[in-house]
Amino acid sequence: MATAKGIDVVLKSVRSISVRMCPFQHGVQSTREFLAAINTKKIRTTNINCEIKVDVRHDRLEPMVDVRFEDGERLMFKSENVTCREMLQKLSSVCSYKDQQAKDSANK
């Protein structure tokens, strides 16, 4: 398992992660930290096919992280008032749940 800020994150069930931010907007720090955390080698190697897209804009919109899973579901964070740790914990939790579901359905 890959660790980011003490949180185990496995991207096995993730198809893509899109990060949108305006670097001049207030509250973008947690989004930058999240992007740096998921781009570490340990986390990237948990799913080398996971596409990470970064959209840097100067539109003064709230920063956003959009996670798309292999099963078609999405997890979106409006990350201006959310910490990096909270986003990583939620992502880890959802990924663990989806991995367990996949294991359970494979065992049936």
N, C-alpha and C. Protein backbone atom coordinates (compact mmCIF):
# COMPACT_ATOMS: atom_id res chain seq x y z
N MET A 1 0.83 -1.18 0.00
CA MET A 1 0.00 0.00 0.00
C MET A 1 0.87 1.24 0.00
N ALA A 2 0.40 2.23 -0.68
CA ALA A 2 1.13 3.50 -0.74
C ALA A 2 0.60 4.43 0.36
N THR A 3 1.50 5.19 0.93
CA THR A 3 1.12 6.08 2.02
C THR A 3 1.35 7.53 1.64
N ALA A 4 0.37 8.36 1.92
CA ALA A 4 0.49 9.80 1.72
C ALA A 4 0.02 10.46 3.00
N LYS A 5 0.89 11.21 3.61
CA LYS A 5 0.56 11.90 4.86
C LYS A 5 0.01 10.92 5.88
N GLY A 6 0.58 9.70 5.91
CA GLY A 6 0.15 8.70 6.87
C GLY A 6 -1.13 7.98 6.50
N ILE A 7 -1.63 8.16 5.30
CA ILE A 7 -2.88 7.54 4.87
C ILE A 7 -2.58 6.58 3.72
N ASP A 8 -3.05 5.33 3.86
CA ASP A 8 -2.84 4.35 2.80
C ASP A 8 -3.81 4.62 1.66
N VAL A 9 -3.26 4.80 0.46
CA VAL A 9 -4.08 5.08 -0.72
C VAL A 9 -3.69 4.10 -1.82
N VAL A 10 -4.67 3.35 -2.32
CA VAL A 10 -4.45 2.42 -3.42
C VAL A 10 -5.42 2.81 -4.53
N LEU A 11 -4.88 3.18 -5.68
CA LEU A 11 -5.69 3.67 -6.80
C LEU A 11 -6.17 2.57 -7.74
N LYS A 12 -6.15 1.34 -7.30
CA LYS A 12 -6.50 0.20 -8.15
C LYS A 12 -7.85 0.37 -8.85
N SER A 13 -8.83 0.90 -8.16
CA SER A 13 -10.18 1.03 -8.72
C SER A 13 -10.44 2.38 -9.38
N VAL A 14 -9.41 3.23 -9.49
CA VAL A 14 -9.57 4.58 -10.03
C VAL A 14 -9.18 4.62 -11.50
N ARG A 15 -10.06 5.17 -12.33
CA ARG A 15 -9.77 5.33 -13.75
C ARG A 15 -9.02 6.63 -14.01
N SER A 16 -9.49 7.74 -13.41
CA SER A 16 -8.83 9.03 -13.62
C SER A 16 -9.09 9.98 -12.46
N ILE A 17 -8.18 10.93 -12.32
CA ILE A 17 -8.32 11.99 -11.34
C ILE A 17 -8.09 13.30 -12.07
N SER A 18 -9.07 14.20 -12.00
CA SER A 18 -8.94 15.52 -12.63
C SER A 18 -8.89 16.57 -11.53
N VAL A 19 -7.90 17.44 -11.63
CA VAL A 19 -7.74 18.51 -10.66
C VAL A 19 -7.87 19.83 -11.40
N ARG A 20 -8.80 20.67 -10.94
CA ARG A 20 -8.98 21.98 -11.55
C ARG A 20 -8.74 23.04 -10.49
N MET A 21 -7.89 24.03 -10.83
CA MET A 21 -7.63 25.08 -9.84
C MET A 21 -7.14 26.35 -10.51
N CYS A 22 -7.41 27.44 -9.83
CA CYS A 22 -6.87 28.75 -10.19
C CYS A 22 -5.78 29.04 -9.17
N PRO A 23 -4.53 29.13 -9.60
CA PRO A 23 -3.44 29.29 -8.64
C PRO A 23 -3.49 30.58 -7.85
N PHE A 24 -4.27 31.54 -8.29
CA PHE A 24 -4.37 32.83 -7.62
C PHE A 24 -5.56 32.91 -6.67
N GLN A 25 -6.38 31.87 -6.67
CA GLN A 25 -7.58 31.84 -5.84
C GLN A 25 -7.23 31.47 -4.40
N HIS A 26 -7.93 32.03 -3.46
CA HIS A 26 -7.75 31.71 -2.04
C HIS A 26 -8.20 30.26 -1.79
N GLY A 27 -7.50 29.53 -0.96
CA GLY A 27 -7.90 28.19 -0.58
C GLY A 27 -7.46 27.10 -1.53
N VAL A 28 -6.44 27.34 -2.31
CA VAL A 28 -5.98 26.34 -3.28
C VAL A 28 -4.87 25.44 -2.71
N GLN A 29 -4.36 25.76 -1.53
CA GLN A 29 -3.23 25.03 -0.98
C GLN A 29 -3.53 23.54 -0.78
N SER A 30 -4.69 23.20 -0.25
CA SER A 30 -5.01 21.79 -0.02
C SER A 30 -5.10 21.02 -1.34
N THR A 31 -5.55 21.67 -2.39
CA THR A 31 -5.64 21.04 -3.70
C THR A 31 -4.24 20.77 -4.24
N ARG A 32 -3.34 21.71 -4.07
CA ARG A 32 -1.96 21.51 -4.51
C ARG A 32 -1.31 20.38 -3.73
N GLU A 33 -1.55 20.33 -2.42
CA GLU A 33 -0.99 19.27 -1.58
C GLU A 33 -1.54 17.91 -1.99
N PHE A 34 -2.84 17.86 -2.30
CA PHE A 34 -3.46 16.61 -2.75
C PHE A 34 -2.83 16.14 -4.05
N LEU A 35 -2.65 17.06 -4.98
CA LEU A 35 -2.03 16.73 -6.26
C LEU A 35 -0.62 16.20 -6.05
N ALA A 36 0.15 16.85 -5.19
CA ALA A 36 1.51 16.39 -4.91
C ALA A 36 1.49 15.01 -4.26
N ALA A 37 0.54 14.77 -3.37
CA ALA A 37 0.46 13.49 -2.67
C ALA A 37 0.13 12.34 -3.62
N ILE A 38 -0.84 12.53 -4.52
CA ILE A 38 -1.22 11.43 -5.41
C ILE A 38 -0.21 11.23 -6.54
N ASN A 39 0.65 12.20 -6.75
CA ASN A 39 1.68 12.06 -7.78
C ASN A 39 2.96 11.43 -7.26
N THR A 40 2.99 11.02 -6.00
CA THR A 40 4.19 10.34 -5.50
C THR A 40 4.31 8.98 -6.17
N LYS A 41 5.53 8.52 -6.28
CA LYS A 41 5.80 7.25 -6.96
C LYS A 41 5.06 6.09 -6.30
N LYS A 42 5.01 6.09 -4.98
CA LYS A 42 4.35 4.99 -4.27
C LYS A 42 2.87 4.89 -4.61
N ILE A 43 2.22 6.02 -4.70
CA ILE A 43 0.78 5.99 -5.01
C ILE A 43 0.57 5.75 -6.50
N ARG A 44 1.33 6.37 -7.34
CA ARG A 44 1.18 6.19 -8.80
C ARG A 44 1.36 4.72 -9.20
N THR A 45 2.26 4.01 -8.53
CA THR A 45 2.51 2.61 -8.90
C THR A 45 1.38 1.68 -8.47
N THR A 46 0.43 2.15 -7.66
CA THR A 46 -0.71 1.30 -7.30
C THR A 46 -1.69 1.15 -8.46
N ASN A 47 -1.58 2.03 -9.46
CA ASN A 47 -2.38 1.91 -10.69
C ASN A 47 -1.72 2.78 -11.75
N ILE A 48 -0.84 2.18 -12.54
CA ILE A 48 -0.11 2.97 -13.55
C ILE A 48 -1.03 3.43 -14.68
N ASN A 49 -2.22 2.85 -14.79
CA ASN A 49 -3.16 3.25 -15.84
C ASN A 49 -4.08 4.39 -15.41
N CYS A 50 -4.00 4.80 -14.16
CA CYS A 50 -4.82 5.91 -13.68
C CYS A 50 -4.31 7.21 -14.30
N GLU A 51 -5.19 7.89 -15.00
CA GLU A 51 -4.82 9.14 -15.66
C GLU A 51 -5.04 10.31 -14.70
N ILE A 52 -4.02 11.13 -14.54
CA ILE A 52 -4.13 12.31 -13.69
C ILE A 52 -4.05 13.54 -14.58
N LYS A 53 -5.13 14.33 -14.57
CA LYS A 53 -5.20 15.53 -15.40
C LYS A 53 -5.21 16.76 -14.50
N VAL A 54 -4.48 17.77 -14.90
CA VAL A 54 -4.45 19.02 -14.15
C VAL A 54 -4.89 20.13 -15.09
N ASP A 55 -5.88 20.88 -14.66
CA ASP A 55 -6.40 22.00 -15.43
C ASP A 55 -6.19 23.27 -14.62
N VAL A 56 -5.17 24.03 -14.99
CA VAL A 56 -4.86 25.29 -14.29
C VAL A 56 -5.53 26.41 -15.07
N ARG A 57 -6.39 27.16 -14.38
CA ARG A 57 -7.14 28.24 -15.02
C ARG A 57 -7.01 29.51 -14.21
N HIS A 58 -7.33 30.60 -14.85
CA HIS A 58 -7.42 31.87 -14.13
C HIS A 58 -8.86 32.36 -14.26
N ASP A 59 -9.76 31.60 -13.62
CA ASP A 59 -11.18 31.92 -13.72
C ASP A 59 -11.82 32.19 -12.36
N ARG A 60 -11.03 32.16 -11.33
CA ARG A 60 -11.47 32.44 -9.96
C ARG A 60 -12.55 31.50 -9.45
N LEU A 61 -12.67 30.33 -10.06
CA LEU A 61 -13.61 29.34 -9.58
C LEU A 61 -12.97 28.54 -8.44
N GLU A 62 -13.82 27.95 -7.63
CA GLU A 62 -13.35 27.14 -6.51
C GLU A 62 -12.56 25.94 -7.04
N PRO A 63 -11.45 25.58 -6.39
CA PRO A 63 -10.69 24.40 -6.82
C PRO A 63 -11.54 23.14 -6.67
N MET A 64 -11.32 22.18 -7.57
CA MET A 64 -12.12 20.97 -7.57
C MET A 64 -11.27 19.75 -7.93
N VAL A 65 -11.57 18.64 -7.28
CA VAL A 65 -10.95 17.36 -7.59
C VAL A 65 -12.08 16.41 -7.99
N ASP A 66 -11.95 15.78 -9.14
CA ASP A 66 -12.96 14.86 -9.67
C ASP A 66 -12.31 13.51 -9.88
N VAL A 67 -12.74 12.51 -9.12
CA VAL A 67 -12.19 11.15 -9.21
C VAL A 67 -13.21 10.28 -9.91
N ARG A 68 -12.79 9.60 -10.97
CA ARG A 68 -13.68 8.68 -11.69
C ARG A 68 -13.16 7.25 -11.47
N PHE A 69 -14.08 6.38 -11.10
CA PHE A 69 -13.74 5.00 -10.80
C PHE A 69 -14.02 4.10 -11.99
N GLU A 70 -13.44 2.91 -11.96
CA GLU A 70 -13.60 1.94 -13.05
C GLU A 70 -15.07 1.54 -13.26
N ASP A 71 -15.86 1.58 -12.19
CA ASP A 71 -17.27 1.18 -12.30
C ASP A 71 -18.18 2.33 -12.76
N GLY A 72 -17.58 3.48 -13.10
CA GLY A 72 -18.34 4.61 -13.61
C GLY A 72 -18.76 5.63 -12.57
N GLU A 73 -18.61 5.31 -11.31
CA GLU A 73 -18.97 6.27 -10.26
C GLU A 73 -17.95 7.39 -10.17
N ARG A 74 -18.39 8.51 -9.55
CA ARG A 74 -17.51 9.68 -9.39
C ARG A 74 -17.50 10.12 -7.94
N LEU A 75 -16.38 10.70 -7.55
CA LEU A 75 -16.22 11.32 -6.24
C LEU A 75 -15.67 12.70 -6.50
N MET A 76 -16.42 13.73 -6.09
CA MET A 76 -15.98 15.10 -6.35
C MET A 76 -15.76 15.85 -5.04
N PHE A 77 -14.67 16.59 -5.01
CA PHE A 77 -14.36 17.45 -3.87
C PHE A 77 -14.33 18.89 -4.35
N LYS A 78 -15.10 19.74 -3.72
CA LYS A 78 -14.90 21.19 -3.88
C LYS A 78 -13.93 21.51 -2.78
N SER A 79 -12.68 21.67 -3.15
CA SER A 79 -11.59 21.55 -2.19
C SER A 79 -11.13 22.84 -1.53
N GLU A 80 -11.85 23.91 -1.69
CA GLU A 80 -11.43 25.18 -1.09
C GLU A 80 -11.43 25.11 0.44
N ASN A 81 -12.43 24.46 1.02
CA ASN A 81 -12.56 24.40 2.47
C ASN A 81 -12.36 22.99 3.02
N VAL A 82 -11.65 22.16 2.28
CA VAL A 82 -11.37 20.79 2.69
C VAL A 82 -9.86 20.63 2.75
N THR A 83 -9.36 19.93 3.76
CA THR A 83 -7.92 19.74 3.86
C THR A 83 -7.47 18.59 2.96
N CYS A 84 -6.21 18.58 2.66
CA CYS A 84 -5.62 17.51 1.87
C CYS A 84 -5.84 16.17 2.57
N ARG A 85 -5.62 16.15 3.86
CA ARG A 85 -5.79 14.93 4.65
C ARG A 85 -7.22 14.39 4.55
N GLU A 86 -8.21 15.27 4.62
CA GLU A 86 -9.61 14.85 4.51
C GLU A 86 -9.89 14.24 3.13
N MET A 87 -9.36 14.86 2.08
CA MET A 87 -9.57 14.32 0.73
C MET A 87 -8.90 12.96 0.58
N LEU A 88 -7.68 12.82 1.09
CA LEU A 88 -6.97 11.55 1.00
C LEU A 88 -7.68 10.46 1.81
N GLN A 89 -8.19 10.81 2.99
CA GLN A 89 -8.91 9.83 3.80
C GLN A 89 -10.17 9.35 3.09
N LYS A 90 -10.92 10.27 2.52
CA LYS A 90 -12.15 9.88 1.82
C LYS A 90 -11.83 9.03 0.59
N LEU A 91 -10.83 9.44 -0.18
CA LEU A 91 -10.43 8.67 -1.36
C LEU A 91 -9.99 7.28 -0.96
N SER A 92 -9.18 7.18 0.08
CA SER A 92 -8.71 5.88 0.56
C SER A 92 -9.88 5.00 1.00
N SER A 93 -10.82 5.59 1.71
CA SER A 93 -11.98 4.86 2.20
C SER A 93 -12.82 4.31 1.05
N VAL A 94 -13.10 5.14 0.06
CA VAL A 94 -13.91 4.71 -1.09
C VAL A 94 -13.16 3.65 -1.90
N CYS A 95 -11.86 3.85 -2.11
CA CYS A 95 -11.07 2.87 -2.86
C CYS A 95 -11.04 1.52 -2.15
N SER A 96 -10.86 1.53 -0.84
CA SER A 96 -10.86 0.29 -0.06
C SER A 96 -12.19 -0.44 -0.18
N TYR A 97 -13.28 0.31 -0.10
CA TYR A 97 -14.61 -0.26 -0.23
C TYR A 97 -14.80 -0.90 -1.61
N LYS A 98 -14.39 -0.20 -2.65
CA LYS A 98 -14.54 -0.72 -4.01
C LYS A 98 -13.65 -1.93 -4.25
N ASP A 99 -12.44 -1.92 -3.69
CA ASP A 99 -11.55 -3.08 -3.81
C ASP A 99 -12.16 -4.29 -3.11
N GLN A 100 -12.75 -4.08 -1.94
CA GLN A 100 -13.39 -5.17 -1.21
C GLN A 100 -14.59 -5.71 -1.97
N GLN A 101 -15.38 -4.83 -2.58
CA GLN A 101 -16.51 -5.26 -3.40
C GLN A 101 -16.04 -6.12 -4.56
N ALA A 102 -14.95 -5.71 -5.21
CA ALA A 102 -14.42 -6.46 -6.34
C ALA A 102 -13.94 -7.84 -5.89
N LYS A 103 -13.30 -7.92 -4.74
CA LYS A 103 -12.84 -9.21 -4.21
C LYS A 103 -14.03 -10.11 -3.88
N ASP A 104 -15.06 -9.53 -3.26
CA ASP A 104 -16.23 -10.31 -2.89
C ASP A 104 -16.95 -10.86 -4.12
N SER A 105 -17.08 -10.04 -5.15
CA SER A 105 -17.77 -10.50 -6.36
C SER A 105 -16.93 -11.52 -7.12
N ALA A 106 -15.61 -11.46 -7.00
CA ALA A 106 -14.73 -12.43 -7.65
C ALA A 106 -14.80 -13.78 -6.94
N ASN A 107 -15.07 -13.77 -5.64
CA ASN A 107 -15.13 -15.01 -4.86
C ASN A 107 -16.46 -15.73 -5.01
N LYS A 108 -17.46 -15.09 -5.58
CA LYS A 108 -18.79 -15.72 -5.72
C LYS A 108 -18.84 -16.63 -6.89
